[in-house]
Amino acid sequence: MEAVTTAEGARVQGRESGRHVYWAHVRFADLDPLNHVNNVRMLTYLEDARIAFLRWDVPAESHTRLGGLVVARHEIDYLKPILLRRDPVRVETWVTEVRTASFRLAYEIRDDDHVYARAMSVLVGYDTAKQAPRRLSGDERAFLTAHLEPSGSA
């Protein structure tokens, strides 16, 4: 049976959840002919936030670095168009589920007044040398569990 950690379980154990915040600057090149940020560029904002959150930039020997991962699924709801603007939008990322070999991330692209998009991704641990799925390590699971938040709170 696959082990599952939920946000509710993490809170019962006294761990605090927390969202990662990434600031995405809207560029003129991000706009479509209607002067809205193109849907593909919004996925790029999510990708940039995910990379910043998953800490691929820390040294390989660090316990906070996550190993190889692949995206197994994306879902996005476009709620409001983003227009060209001076201030960046905030991409909030958090974990809603941690399993033995995979985890689920949730995102919001927002500012203080509006939520522009809500999204979800499922990522799977991946051994790049073997080109095969792998289980998440204890350190990876601990890092992810520290960011658990109920999926319904978005």
Protein backbone atom coordinates (compact mmCIF):
# COMPACT_ATOMS: atom_id res chain seq x y z
CA MET A 1 0.00 0.00 0.00
CA GLU A 2 1.36 3.41 -0.97
CA ALA A 3 2.00 5.84 1.89
CA VAL A 4 0.18 9.15 1.60
CA THR A 5 0.78 12.27 3.64
CA THR A 6 -1.94 14.91 3.55
CA ALA A 7 -1.93 18.47 4.76
CA GLU A 8 -4.40 17.56 7.48
CA GLY A 9 -2.04 14.84 8.71
CA ALA A 10 0.87 17.25 8.76
CA ARG A 11 -1.06 19.74 10.87
CA VAL A 12 -2.09 17.05 13.34
CA GLN A 13 1.60 16.26 13.76
CA GLY A 14 2.27 19.94 14.51
CA ARG A 15 4.01 20.91 11.27
CA GLU A 16 3.26 24.26 9.71
CA SER A 17 2.50 24.63 6.04
CA GLY A 18 3.81 27.42 3.89
CA ARG A 19 3.45 28.76 0.40
CA HIS A 20 6.42 29.59 -1.76
CA VAL A 21 6.12 32.97 -3.50
CA TYR A 22 7.64 33.70 -6.90
CA TRP A 23 7.30 37.12 -8.55
CA ALA A 24 6.66 36.94 -12.32
CA HIS A 25 7.19 40.09 -14.34
CA VAL A 26 4.80 40.54 -17.23
CA ARG A 27 6.75 41.33 -20.39
CA PHE A 28 5.46 42.74 -23.65
CA ALA A 29 6.53 39.48 -25.34
CA ASP A 30 4.13 37.57 -23.03
CA LEU A 31 1.07 39.21 -24.62
CA ASP A 32 -1.23 37.77 -27.25
CA PRO A 33 -3.00 39.85 -29.97
CA LEU A 34 -5.72 40.80 -27.44
CA ASN A 35 -3.06 42.26 -25.08
CA HIS A 36 -3.59 39.49 -22.50
CA VAL A 37 -0.78 37.30 -21.20
CA ASN A 38 -0.83 34.26 -23.49
CA ASN A 39 -1.99 31.01 -21.89
CA VAL A 40 1.34 29.31 -22.70
CA ARG A 41 3.25 32.12 -20.99
CA MET A 42 1.12 31.62 -17.88
CA LEU A 43 2.30 28.00 -17.84
CA THR A 44 5.84 29.35 -18.07
CA TYR A 45 5.17 31.47 -14.96
CA LEU A 46 4.14 28.25 -13.20
CA GLU A 47 7.27 26.46 -14.44
CA ASP A 48 9.52 29.26 -13.21
CA ALA A 49 7.80 29.22 -9.81
CA ARG A 50 8.06 25.42 -9.59
CA ILE A 51 11.78 25.46 -10.37
CA ALA A 52 12.38 28.16 -7.75
CA PHE A 53 10.35 26.22 -5.17
CA LEU A 54 11.95 22.81 -5.77
CA ARG A 55 15.45 24.12 -5.08
CA TRP A 56 17.39 22.75 -8.03
CA ASP A 57 19.85 25.60 -7.53
CA VAL A 58 21.29 24.33 -4.23
CA PRO A 59 24.41 22.13 -4.14
CA ALA A 60 23.87 18.43 -4.94
CA GLU A 61 25.06 17.36 -1.49
CA SER A 62 22.43 19.50 0.27
CA HIS A 63 19.60 17.71 2.05
CA THR A 64 17.11 20.30 0.77
CA ARG A 65 17.75 19.62 -2.91
CA LEU A 66 15.21 17.46 -4.69
CA GLY A 67 16.41 14.81 -7.12
CA GLY A 68 15.18 14.05 -10.62
CA LEU A 69 11.50 14.69 -11.23
CA VAL A 70 9.13 14.57 -14.19
CA VAL A 71 5.79 16.28 -14.58
CA ALA A 72 3.05 13.67 -15.00
CA ARG A 73 0.07 16.01 -15.14
CA HIS A 74 -0.91 19.69 -15.36
CA GLU A 75 -4.32 21.29 -14.86
CA ILE A 76 -5.02 25.01 -15.08
CA ASP A 77 -8.10 27.19 -14.73
CA TYR A 78 -7.76 30.64 -16.31
CA LEU A 79 -9.92 32.92 -14.17
CA LYS A 80 -9.08 36.45 -15.31
CA PRO A 81 -6.82 37.81 -18.05
CA ILE A 82 -3.53 39.40 -17.05
CA LEU A 83 -2.81 42.61 -18.91
CA LEU A 84 0.53 44.34 -19.38
CA ARG A 85 1.41 45.85 -16.03
CA ARG A 86 4.32 47.43 -14.22
CA ASP A 87 3.99 45.37 -11.02
CA PRO A 88 4.78 41.64 -11.11
CA VAL A 89 2.16 39.00 -10.38
CA ARG A 90 2.66 36.66 -7.46
CA VAL A 91 2.83 32.93 -8.17
CA GLU A 92 2.14 31.05 -4.96
CA THR A 93 3.10 27.38 -4.88
CA TRP A 94 2.35 24.79 -2.21
CA VAL A 95 2.11 21.05 -1.78
CA THR A 96 -1.31 19.40 -1.40
CA GLU A 97 -0.26 15.73 -1.30
CA VAL A 98 2.91 13.69 -0.82
CA ARG A 99 3.00 10.03 -1.84
CA THR A 100 5.76 7.46 -1.92
CA ALA A 101 6.93 8.31 -5.45
CA SER A 102 4.94 11.42 -6.37
CA PHE A 103 3.51 14.65 -5.06
CA ARG A 104 0.93 17.23 -6.05
CA LEU A 105 1.60 20.97 -6.26
CA ALA A 106 -1.06 23.68 -6.32
CA TYR A 107 -0.53 27.20 -7.62
CA GLU A 108 -2.25 30.55 -7.79
CA ILE A 109 -1.21 33.38 -10.08
CA ARG A 110 -2.49 36.46 -8.27
CA ASP A 111 -2.01 39.90 -6.88
CA ASP A 112 -3.61 41.51 -3.83
CA ASP A 113 -6.89 42.11 -5.70
CA HIS A 114 -7.37 39.19 -8.10
CA VAL A 115 -6.66 35.52 -8.70
CA TYR A 116 -5.80 35.16 -12.40
CA ALA A 117 -5.28 31.41 -12.53
CA ARG A 118 -5.35 28.31 -10.34
CA ALA A 119 -3.35 25.27 -11.33
CA MET A 120 -2.18 21.85 -10.20
CA SER A 121 0.72 19.61 -11.19
CA VAL A 122 1.60 16.03 -10.30
CA LEU A 123 5.33 15.35 -10.21
CA VAL A 124 6.95 11.93 -10.03
CA GLY A 125 10.41 11.07 -8.71
CA TYR A 126 12.57 10.02 -11.65
CA ASP A 127 15.95 8.29 -11.84
CA THR A 128 17.65 9.93 -14.81
CA ALA A 129 20.41 7.32 -15.01
CA LYS A 130 17.95 4.41 -15.16
CA GLN A 131 15.29 6.39 -17.05
CA ALA A 132 12.67 5.05 -14.65
CA PRO A 133 10.38 6.28 -11.86
CA ARG A 134 11.84 6.25 -8.34
CA ARG A 135 10.65 6.65 -4.77
CA LEU A 136 11.09 10.00 -3.08
CA SER A 137 13.78 10.06 -0.39
CA GLY A 138 13.06 10.81 3.24
CA ASP A 139 14.70 14.24 2.90
CA GLU A 140 12.58 15.04 -0.16
CA ARG A 141 9.41 13.95 1.61
CA ALA A 142 10.33 16.04 4.68
CA PHE A 143 10.92 19.14 2.52
CA LEU A 144 7.61 18.64 0.69
CA THR A 145 5.66 17.88 3.87
CA ALA A 146 6.83 21.20 5.35
CA HIS A 147 4.88 22.93 2.54
CA LEU A 148 1.65 20.94 2.81
CA GLU A 149 -1.61 22.87 2.76
CA PRO A 150 -5.15 21.61 2.20
CA SER A 151 -6.08 21.68 -1.48
CA GLY A 152 -9.44 23.30 -0.75
CA SER A 153 -7.92 26.41 0.84
CA ALA A 154 -6.85 28.00 -2.44
